[in-house]
Amino acid sequence: MRLVGHSLFAHRDTTAGGLMLVLFRKVRQSILIGDDIVVEVVSLPGGGVRLGITAPSYVTVLRDELAEKVGVSVTSKKREISKKSRNAPL
């Protein structure tokens, strides 16, 4: 994972056995993932976070509980990503 212009907070992800990047954003602030995915904080209503995600049509975006229903293990995916990032050259 290559990060530009962020103050970082690493959080131990116990389900994947790796580190998770945690970013602090305010309403209407965004993060860019790669060249074509934007995640924006839309609102913070009563204890929740409302996110807006802009991505190309070929990118599947699922909430974890829906991913589990269609047979995708979010925990397994997180482990795969964690393993790939540990083995990736800098």
PDB file of N, CA and C in Angstrom:
ATOM      1  N   MET A   1       0.854  -1.162   0.000  1.00  0.00           N
ATOM      2  CA  MET A   1       0.000   0.000   0.000  1.00  0.00           C
ATOM      3  C   MET A   1       0.902   1.228   0.000  1.00  0.00           C
ATOM      4  N   ARG A   2       0.699   2.105  -0.953  1.00  0.00           N
ATOM      5  CA  ARG A   2       1.475   3.340  -1.039  1.00  0.00           C
ATOM      6  C   ARG A   2       0.566   4.483  -0.632  1.00  0.00           C
ATOM      7  N   LEU A   3       1.013   5.299   0.309  1.00  0.00           N
ATOM      8  CA  LEU A   3       0.185   6.372   0.843  1.00  0.00           C
ATOM      9  C   LEU A   3       0.835   7.713   0.580  1.00  0.00           C
ATOM     10  N   VAL A   4       0.016   8.670   0.194  1.00  0.00           N
ATOM     11  CA  VAL A   4       0.523  10.002  -0.099  1.00  0.00           C
ATOM     12  C   VAL A   4      -0.284  11.018   0.690  1.00  0.00           C
ATOM     13  N   GLY A   5       0.381  11.853   1.460  1.00  0.00           N
ATOM     14  CA  GLY A   5      -0.261  12.983   2.114  1.00  0.00           C
ATOM     15  C   GLY A   5      -1.251  12.650   3.219  1.00  0.00           C
ATOM     16  N   HIS A   6      -1.049  11.574   3.932  1.00  0.00           N
ATOM     17  CA  HIS A   6      -1.950  11.221   5.032  1.00  0.00           C
ATOM     18  C   HIS A   6      -1.157  11.115   6.310  1.00  0.00           C
ATOM     19  N   SER A   7      -1.723  11.602   7.406  1.00  0.00           N
ATOM     20  CA  SER A   7      -1.154  11.228   8.692  1.00  0.00           C
ATOM     21  C   SER A   7      -1.731   9.851   8.989  1.00  0.00           C
ATOM     22  N   LEU A   8      -0.886   8.944   9.354  1.00  0.00           N
ATOM     23  CA  LEU A   8      -1.284   7.551   9.421  1.00  0.00           C
ATOM     24  C   LEU A   8      -1.589   7.089  10.830  1.00  0.00           C
ATOM     25  N   PHE A   9      -2.546   6.211  10.906  1.00  0.00           N
ATOM     26  CA  PHE A   9      -2.851   5.508  12.133  1.00  0.00           C
ATOM     27  C   PHE A   9      -3.030   4.055  11.729  1.00  0.00           C
ATOM     28  N   ALA A  10      -2.150   3.188  12.188  1.00  0.00           N
ATOM     29  CA  ALA A  10      -2.257   1.773  11.853  1.00  0.00           C
ATOM     30  C   ALA A  10      -2.998   1.064  12.973  1.00  0.00           C
ATOM     31  N   HIS A  11      -3.928   0.233  12.586  1.00  0.00           N
ATOM     32  CA  HIS A  11      -4.745  -0.507  13.538  1.00  0.00           C
ATOM     33  C   HIS A  11      -4.518  -1.989  13.283  1.00  0.00           C
ATOM     34  N   ARG A  12      -4.254  -2.743  14.321  1.00  0.00           N
ATOM     35  CA  ARG A  12      -4.056  -4.184  14.170  1.00  0.00           C
ATOM     36  C   ARG A  12      -5.381  -4.824  13.805  1.00  0.00           C
ATOM     37  N   ASP A  13      -5.426  -5.467  12.640  1.00  0.00           N
ATOM     38  CA  ASP A  13      -6.636  -6.141  12.173  1.00  0.00           C
ATOM     39  C   ASP A  13      -6.569  -7.590  12.622  1.00  0.00           C
ATOM     40  N   THR A  14      -7.261  -7.920  13.689  1.00  0.00           N
ATOM     41  CA  THR A  14      -7.165  -9.258  14.264  1.00  0.00           C
ATOM     42  C   THR A  14      -7.770 -10.337  13.379  1.00  0.00           C
ATOM     43  N   THR A  15      -8.727  -9.996  12.520  1.00  0.00           N
ATOM     44  CA  THR A  15      -9.335 -11.017  11.668  1.00  0.00           C
ATOM     45  C   THR A  15      -8.424 -11.409  10.515  1.00  0.00           C
ATOM     46  N   ALA A  16      -7.599 -10.476  10.032  1.00  0.00           N
ATOM     47  CA  ALA A  16      -6.739 -10.773   8.893  1.00  0.00           C
ATOM     48  C   ALA A  16      -5.294 -10.990   9.305  1.00  0.00           C
ATOM     49  N   GLY A  17      -4.963 -10.670  10.543  1.00  0.00           N
ATOM     50  CA  GLY A  17      -3.603 -10.859  11.003  1.00  0.00           C
ATOM     51  C   GLY A  17      -2.631  -9.827  10.469  1.00  0.00           C
ATOM     52  N   GLY A  18      -3.111  -8.728   9.944  1.00  0.00           N
ATOM     53  CA  GLY A  18      -2.234  -7.695   9.405  1.00  0.00           C
ATOM     54  C   GLY A  18      -2.572  -6.350   9.998  1.00  0.00           C
ATOM     55  N   LEU A  19      -2.136  -5.312   9.318  1.00  0.00           N
ATOM     56  CA  LEU A  19      -2.441  -3.955   9.749  1.00  0.00           C
ATOM     57  C   LEU A  19      -3.504  -3.365   8.837  1.00  0.00           C
ATOM     58  N   MET A  20      -4.323  -2.522   9.419  1.00  0.00           N
ATOM     59  CA  MET A  20      -5.369  -1.840   8.667  1.00  0.00           C
ATOM     60  C   MET A  20      -5.074  -0.351   8.747  1.00  0.00           C
ATOM     61  N   LEU A  21      -5.105   0.326   7.636  1.00  0.00           N
ATOM     62  CA  LEU A  21      -4.938   1.773   7.622  1.00  0.00           C
ATOM     63  C   LEU A  21      -6.246   2.413   8.074  1.00  0.00           C
ATOM     64  N   VAL A  22      -6.166   3.297   9.048  1.00  0.00           N
ATOM     65  CA  VAL A  22      -7.344   4.008   9.536  1.00  0.00           C
ATOM     66  C   VAL A  22      -7.124   5.484   9.261  1.00  0.00           C
ATOM     67  N   LEU A  23      -8.023   6.080   8.500  1.00  0.00           N
ATOM     68  CA  LEU A  23      -7.924   7.495   8.160  1.00  0.00           C
ATOM     69  C   LEU A  23      -9.049   8.258   8.824  1.00  0.00           C
ATOM     70  N   PHE A  24      -8.754   9.435   9.306  1.00  0.00           N
ATOM     71  CA  PHE A  24      -9.774  10.285   9.889  1.00  0.00           C
ATOM     72  C   PHE A  24     -10.218  11.283   8.831  1.00  0.00           C
ATOM     73  N   ARG A  25     -11.504  11.297   8.533  1.00  0.00           N
ATOM     74  CA  ARG A  25     -12.069  12.192   7.526  1.00  0.00           C
ATOM     75  C   ARG A  25     -13.261  12.897   8.134  1.00  0.00           C
ATOM     76  N   LYS A  26     -13.556  14.065   7.610  1.00  0.00           N
ATOM     77  CA  LYS A  26     -14.738  14.811   8.014  1.00  0.00           C
ATOM     78  C   LYS A  26     -15.758  14.731   6.884  1.00  0.00           C
ATOM     79  N   VAL A  27     -16.982  15.155   7.172  1.00  0.00           N
ATOM     80  CA  VAL A  27     -18.028  15.156   6.144  1.00  0.00           C
ATOM     81  C   VAL A  27     -17.532  15.948   4.928  1.00  0.00           C
ATOM     82  N   ARG A  28     -17.804  15.398   3.755  1.00  0.00           N
ATOM     83  CA  ARG A  28     -17.429  15.927   2.452  1.00  0.00           C
ATOM     84  C   ARG A  28     -15.942  15.778   2.136  1.00  0.00           C
ATOM     85  N   GLN A  29     -15.187  15.073   2.970  1.00  0.00           N
ATOM     86  CA  GLN A  29     -13.797  14.762   2.645  1.00  0.00           C
ATOM     87  C   GLN A  29     -13.757  13.372   2.029  1.00  0.00           C
ATOM     88  N   SER A  30     -12.766  13.142   1.174  1.00  0.00           N
ATOM     89  CA  SER A  30     -12.686  11.898   0.412  1.00  0.00           C
ATOM     90  C   SER A  30     -11.308  11.280   0.523  1.00  0.00           C
ATOM     91  N   ILE A  31     -11.232  10.018   0.091  1.00  0.00           N
ATOM     92  CA  ILE A  31      -9.953   9.365  -0.156  1.00  0.00           C
ATOM     93  C   ILE A  31     -10.016   8.779  -1.560  1.00  0.00           C
ATOM     94  N   LEU A  32      -8.881   8.719  -2.218  1.00  0.00           N
ATOM     95  CA  LEU A  32      -8.774   8.153  -3.549  1.00  0.00           C
ATOM     96  C   LEU A  32      -8.044   6.828  -3.436  1.00  0.00           C
ATOM     97  N   ILE A  33      -8.624   5.762  -3.992  1.00  0.00           N
ATOM     98  CA  ILE A  33      -8.016   4.437  -3.991  1.00  0.00           C
ATOM     99  C   ILE A  33      -7.630   4.129  -5.429  1.00  0.00           C
ATOM    100  N   GLY A  34      -6.348   3.987  -5.654  1.00  0.00           N
ATOM    101  CA  GLY A  34      -5.879   3.782  -7.018  1.00  0.00           C
ATOM    102  C   GLY A  34      -6.170   5.004  -7.863  1.00  0.00           C
ATOM    103  N   ASP A  35      -6.484   4.767  -9.138  1.00  0.00           N
ATOM    104  CA  ASP A  35      -6.760   5.868 -10.055  1.00  0.00           C
ATOM    105  C   ASP A  35      -8.240   6.140 -10.241  1.00  0.00           C
ATOM    106  N   ASP A  36      -9.094   5.217  -9.773  1.00  0.00           N
ATOM    107  CA  ASP A  36     -10.481   5.362 -10.188  1.00  0.00           C
ATOM    108  C   ASP A  36     -11.534   5.031  -9.133  1.00  0.00           C
ATOM    109  N   ILE A  37     -11.149   5.006  -7.854  1.00  0.00           N
ATOM    110  CA  ILE A  37     -12.135   4.766  -6.795  1.00  0.00           C
ATOM    111  C   ILE A  37     -12.042   5.898  -5.783  1.00  0.00           C
ATOM    112  N   VAL A  38     -13.179   6.530  -5.518  1.00  0.00           N
ATOM    113  CA  VAL A  38     -13.252   7.616  -4.541  1.00  0.00           C
ATOM    114  C   VAL A  38     -14.243   7.215  -3.458  1.00  0.00           C
ATOM    115  N   VAL A  39     -13.826   7.321  -2.198  1.00  0.00           N
ATOM    116  CA  VAL A  39     -14.702   7.077  -1.057  1.00  0.00           C
ATOM    117  C   VAL A  39     -14.847   8.410  -0.330  1.00  0.00           C
ATOM    118  N   GLU A  40     -16.086   8.858  -0.168  1.00  0.00           N
ATOM    119  CA  GLU A  40     -16.360  10.151   0.446  1.00  0.00           C
ATOM    120  C   GLU A  40     -17.266   9.982   1.657  1.00  0.00           C
ATOM    121  N   VAL A  41     -16.955  10.698   2.732  1.00  0.00           N
ATOM    122  CA  VAL A  41     -17.830  10.722   3.902  1.00  0.00           C
ATOM    123  C   VAL A  41     -18.984  11.660   3.557  1.00  0.00           C
ATOM    124  N   VAL A  42     -20.183  11.105   3.463  1.00  0.00           N
ATOM    125  CA  VAL A  42     -21.358  11.878   3.072  1.00  0.00           C
ATOM    126  C   VAL A  42     -22.015  12.505   4.294  1.00  0.00           C
ATOM    127  N   SER A  43     -22.185  11.732   5.355  1.00  0.00           N
ATOM    128  CA  SER A  43     -22.757  12.272   6.590  1.00  0.00           C
ATOM    129  C   SER A  43     -22.435  11.346   7.758  1.00  0.00           C
ATOM    130  N   LEU A  44     -22.657  11.872   8.951  1.00  0.00           N
ATOM    131  CA  LEU A  44     -22.423  11.125  10.179  1.00  0.00           C
ATOM    132  C   LEU A  44     -23.689  11.159  11.021  1.00  0.00           C
ATOM    133  N   PRO A  45     -24.746  10.473  10.585  1.00  0.00           N
ATOM    134  CA  PRO A  45     -25.995  10.516  11.333  1.00  0.00           C
ATOM    135  C   PRO A  45     -25.961   9.591  12.551  1.00  0.00           C
ATOM    136  N   GLY A  46     -26.316  10.100  13.692  1.00  0.00           N
ATOM    137  CA  GLY A  46     -26.504   9.351  14.935  1.00  0.00           C
ATOM    138  C   GLY A  46     -25.737   8.072  15.111  1.00  0.00           C
ATOM    139  N   GLY A  47     -24.436   8.101  15.226  1.00  0.00           N
ATOM    140  CA  GLY A  47     -23.658   6.926  15.547  1.00  0.00           C
ATOM    141  C   GLY A  47     -23.202   6.107  14.347  1.00  0.00           C
ATOM    142  N   GLY A  48     -23.601   6.460  13.151  1.00  0.00           N
ATOM    143  CA  GLY A  48     -23.172   5.740  11.964  1.00  0.00           C
ATOM    144  C   GLY A  48     -22.369   6.645  11.058  1.00  0.00           C
ATOM    145  N   VAL A  49     -21.826   6.076  10.015  1.00  0.00           N
ATOM    146  CA  VAL A  49     -21.096   6.840   9.007  1.00  0.00           C
ATOM    147  C   VAL A  49     -21.735   6.536   7.666  1.00  0.00           C
ATOM    148  N   ARG A  50     -22.044   7.540   6.928  1.00  0.00           N
ATOM    149  CA  ARG A  50     -22.591   7.340   5.585  1.00  0.00           C
ATOM    150  C   ARG A  50     -21.478   7.633   4.585  1.00  0.00           C
ATOM    151  N   LEU A  51     -21.109   6.624   3.796  1.00  0.00           N
ATOM    152  CA  LEU A  51     -20.021   6.744   2.834  1.00  0.00           C
ATOM    153  C   LEU A  51     -20.566   6.770   1.418  1.00  0.00           C
ATOM    154  N   GLY A  52     -19.952   7.556   0.585  1.00  0.00           N
ATOM    155  CA  GLY A  52     -20.255   7.549  -0.839  1.00  0.00           C
ATOM    156  C   GLY A  52     -19.067   6.958  -1.565  1.00  0.00           C
ATOM    157  N   ILE A  53     -19.296   5.978  -2.437  1.00  0.00           N
ATOM    158  CA  ILE A  53     -18.212   5.308  -3.155  1.00  0.00           C
ATOM    159  C   ILE A  53     -18.430   5.487  -4.641  1.00  0.00           C
ATOM    160  N   THR A  54     -17.440   6.038  -5.312  1.00  0.00           N
ATOM    161  CA  THR A  54     -17.481   6.193  -6.760  1.00  0.00           C
ATOM    162  C   THR A  54     -16.427   5.263  -7.335  1.00  0.00           C
ATOM    163  N   ALA A  55     -16.865   4.313  -8.152  1.00  0.00           N
ATOM    164  CA  ALA A  55     -15.947   3.326  -8.714  1.00  0.00           C
ATOM    165  C   ALA A  55     -16.433   2.945 -10.109  1.00  0.00           C
ATOM    166  N   PRO A  56     -15.536   2.427 -10.945  1.00  0.00           N
ATOM    167  CA  PRO A  56     -15.949   1.963 -12.273  1.00  0.00           C
ATOM    168  C   PRO A  56     -16.943   0.808 -12.155  1.00  0.00           C
ATOM    169  N   SER A  57     -17.704   0.574 -13.203  1.00  0.00           N
ATOM    170  CA  SER A  57     -18.745  -0.453 -13.173  1.00  0.00           C
ATOM    171  C   SER A  57     -18.189  -1.870 -13.013  1.00  0.00           C
ATOM    172  N   TYR A  58     -16.919  -2.095 -13.341  1.00  0.00           N
ATOM    173  CA  TYR A  58     -16.351  -3.433 -13.201  1.00  0.00           C
ATOM    174  C   TYR A  58     -15.909  -3.740 -11.764  1.00  0.00           C
ATOM    175  N   VAL A  59     -15.970  -2.763 -10.861  1.00  0.00           N
ATOM    176  CA  VAL A  59     -15.591  -2.978  -9.466  1.00  0.00           C
ATOM    177  C   VAL A  59     -16.845  -3.317  -8.666  1.00  0.00           C
ATOM    178  N   THR A  60     -16.807  -4.448  -7.981  1.00  0.00           N
ATOM    179  CA  THR A  60     -17.926  -4.850  -7.136  1.00  0.00           C
ATOM    180  C   THR A  60     -17.755  -4.249  -5.754  1.00  0.00           C
ATOM    181  N   VAL A  61     -18.794  -3.592  -5.266  1.00  0.00           N
ATOM    182  CA  VAL A  61     -18.764  -2.994  -3.933  1.00  0.00           C
ATOM    183  C   VAL A  61     -19.903  -3.628  -3.132  1.00  0.00           C
ATOM    184  N   LEU A  62     -19.550  -4.342  -2.063  1.00  0.00           N
ATOM    185  CA  LEU A  62     -20.546  -5.015  -1.234  1.00  0.00           C
ATOM    186  C   LEU A  62     -20.303  -4.725   0.236  1.00  0.00           C
ATOM    187  N   ARG A  63     -21.362  -4.501   0.982  1.00  0.00           N
ATOM    188  CA  ARG A  63     -21.240  -4.479   2.445  1.00  0.00           C
ATOM    189  C   ARG A  63     -20.890  -5.890   2.884  1.00  0.00           C
ATOM    190  N   ASP A  64     -20.148  -6.012   3.989  1.00  0.00           N
ATOM    191  CA  ASP A  64     -19.683  -7.338   4.393  1.00  0.00           C
ATOM    192  C   ASP A  64     -20.805  -8.329   4.633  1.00  0.00           C
ATOM    193  N   GLU A  65     -21.933  -7.879   5.210  1.00  0.00           N
ATOM    194  CA  GLU A  65     -23.020  -8.834   5.465  1.00  0.00           C
ATOM    195  C   GLU A  65     -23.647  -9.342   4.173  1.00  0.00           C
ATOM    196  N   LEU A  66     -23.640  -8.545   3.104  1.00  0.00           N
ATOM    197  CA  LEU A  66     -24.154  -9.006   1.808  1.00  0.00           C
ATOM    198  C   LEU A  66     -23.144  -9.911   1.120  1.00  0.00           C
ATOM    199  N   ALA A  67     -21.869  -9.608   1.283  1.00  0.00           N
ATOM    200  CA  ALA A  67     -20.832 -10.458   0.695  1.00  0.00           C
ATOM    201  C   ALA A  67     -20.925 -11.871   1.261  1.00  0.00           C
ATOM    202  N   GLU A  68     -21.136 -11.977   2.561  1.00  0.00           N
ATOM    203  CA  GLU A  68     -21.262 -13.294   3.200  1.00  0.00           C
ATOM    204  C   GLU A  68     -22.466 -14.058   2.626  1.00  0.00           C
ATOM    205  N   LYS A  69     -23.570 -13.346   2.360  1.00  0.00           N
ATOM    206  CA  LYS A  69     -24.768 -14.001   1.819  1.00  0.00           C
ATOM    207  C   LYS A  69     -24.536 -14.595   0.435  1.00  0.00           C
ATOM    208  N   VAL A  70     -23.671 -13.964  -0.365  1.00  0.00           N
ATOM    209  CA  VAL A  70     -23.406 -14.480  -1.712  1.00  0.00           C
ATOM    210  C   VAL A  70     -22.157 -15.364  -1.749  1.00  0.00           C
ATOM    211  N   GLY A  71     -21.671 -15.733  -0.549  1.00  0.00           N
ATOM    212  CA  GLY A  71     -20.587 -16.707  -0.471  1.00  0.00           C
ATOM    213  C   GLY A  71     -19.182 -16.135  -0.505  1.00  0.00           C
ATOM    214  N   VAL A  72     -19.026 -14.839  -0.282  1.00  0.00           N
ATOM    215  CA  VAL A  72     -17.701 -14.232  -0.247  1.00  0.00           C
ATOM    216  C   VAL A  72     -17.324 -14.017   1.215  1.00  0.00           C
ATOM    217  N   SER A  73     -16.223 -14.601   1.635  1.00  0.00           N
ATOM    218  CA  SER A  73     -15.768 -14.432   3.015  1.00  0.00           C
ATOM    219  C   SER A  73     -14.919 -13.168   3.107  1.00  0.00           C
ATOM    220  N   VAL A  74     -15.428 -12.167   3.784  1.00  0.00           N
ATOM    221  CA  VAL A  74     -14.704 -10.910   3.943  1.00  0.00           C
ATOM    222  C   VAL A  74     -13.417 -11.144   4.728  1.00  0.00           C
ATOM    223  N   THR A  75     -13.478 -11.995   5.734  1.00  0.00           N
ATOM    224  CA  THR A  75     -12.287 -12.297   6.526  1.00  0.00           C
ATOM    225  C   THR A  75     -11.207 -12.919   5.646  1.00  0.00           C
ATOM    226  N   SER A  76     -11.583 -13.848   4.776  1.00  0.00           N
ATOM    227  CA  SER A  76     -10.608 -14.472   3.865  1.00  0.00           C
ATOM    228  C   SER A  76     -10.027 -13.447   2.904  1.00  0.00           C
ATOM    229  N   LYS A  77     -10.870 -12.568   2.394  1.00  0.00           N
ATOM    230  CA  LYS A  77     -10.404 -11.523   1.480  1.00  0.00           C
ATOM    231  C   LYS A  77      -9.399 -10.613   2.173  1.00  0.00           C
ATOM    232  N   LYS A  78      -9.692 -10.245   3.426  1.00  0.00           N
ATOM    233  CA  LYS A  78      -8.781  -9.385   4.174  1.00  0.00           C
ATOM    234  C   LYS A  78      -7.439 -10.087   4.390  1.00  0.00           C
ATOM    235  N   ARG A  79      -7.472 -11.395   4.658  1.00  0.00           N
ATOM    236  CA  ARG A  79      -6.224 -12.153   4.821  1.00  0.00           C
ATOM    237  C   ARG A  79      -5.427 -12.169   3.520  1.00  0.00           C
ATOM    238  N   GLU A  80      -6.109 -12.390   2.391  1.00  0.00           N
ATOM    239  CA  GLU A  80      -5.439 -12.392   1.082  1.00  0.00           C
ATOM    240  C   GLU A  80      -4.748 -11.059   0.825  1.00  0.00           C
ATOM    241  N   ILE A  81      -5.469  -9.980   1.065  1.00  0.00           N
ATOM    242  CA  ILE A  81      -4.926  -8.639   0.825  1.00  0.00           C
ATOM    243  C   ILE A  81      -3.746  -8.382   1.750  1.00  0.00           C
ATOM    244  N   SER A  82      -3.877  -8.769   3.007  1.00  0.00           N
ATOM    245  CA  SER A  82      -2.802  -8.572   3.975  1.00  0.00           C
ATOM    246  C   SER A  82      -1.549  -9.340   3.550  1.00  0.00           C
ATOM    247  N   LYS A  83      -1.738 -10.593   3.100  1.00  0.00           N
ATOM    248  CA  LYS A  83      -0.608 -11.414   2.663  1.00  0.00           C
ATOM    249  C   LYS A  83       0.056 -10.808   1.435  1.00  0.00           C
ATOM    250  N   LYS A  84      -0.751 -10.350   0.467  1.00  0.00           N
ATOM    251  CA  LYS A  84      -0.195  -9.739  -0.753  1.00  0.00           C
ATOM    252  C   LYS A  84       0.593  -8.479  -0.420  1.00  0.00           C
ATOM    253  N   SER A  85       0.065  -7.658   0.487  1.00  0.00           N
ATOM    254  CA  SER A  85       0.742  -6.396   0.803  1.00  0.00           C
ATOM    255  C   SER A  85       2.055  -6.644   1.549  1.00  0.00           C
ATOM    256  N   ARG A  86       2.110  -7.706   2.362  1.00  0.00           N
ATOM    257  CA  ARG A  86       3.369  -8.028   3.057  1.00  0.00           C
ATOM    258  C   ARG A  86       4.422  -8.514   2.078  1.00  0.00           C
ATOM    259  N   ASN A  87       4.009  -9.180   0.999  1.00  0.00           N
ATOM    260  CA  ASN A  87       4.951  -9.737   0.042  1.00  0.00           C
ATOM    261  C   ASN A  87       5.262  -8.806  -1.124  1.00  0.00           C
ATOM    262  N   ALA A  88       4.556  -7.687  -1.218  1.00  0.00           N
ATOM    263  CA  ALA A  88       4.744  -6.767  -2.339  1.00  0.00           C
ATOM    264  C   ALA A  88       6.050  -5.979  -2.173  1.00  0.00           C
ATOM    265  N   PRO A  89       6.763  -5.773  -3.295  1.00  0.00           N
ATOM    266  CA  PRO A  89       7.980  -4.955  -3.215  1.00  0.00           C
ATOM    267  C   PRO A  89       7.614  -3.493  -2.947  1.00  0.00           C
ATOM    268  N   LEU A  90       8.491  -2.792  -2.262  1.00  0.00           N
ATOM    269  CA  LEU A  90       8.234  -1.381  -1.956  1.00  0.00           C
ATOM    270  C   LEU A  90       8.507  -0.513  -3.114  1.00  0.00           C
TER     271      LEU A  90
END
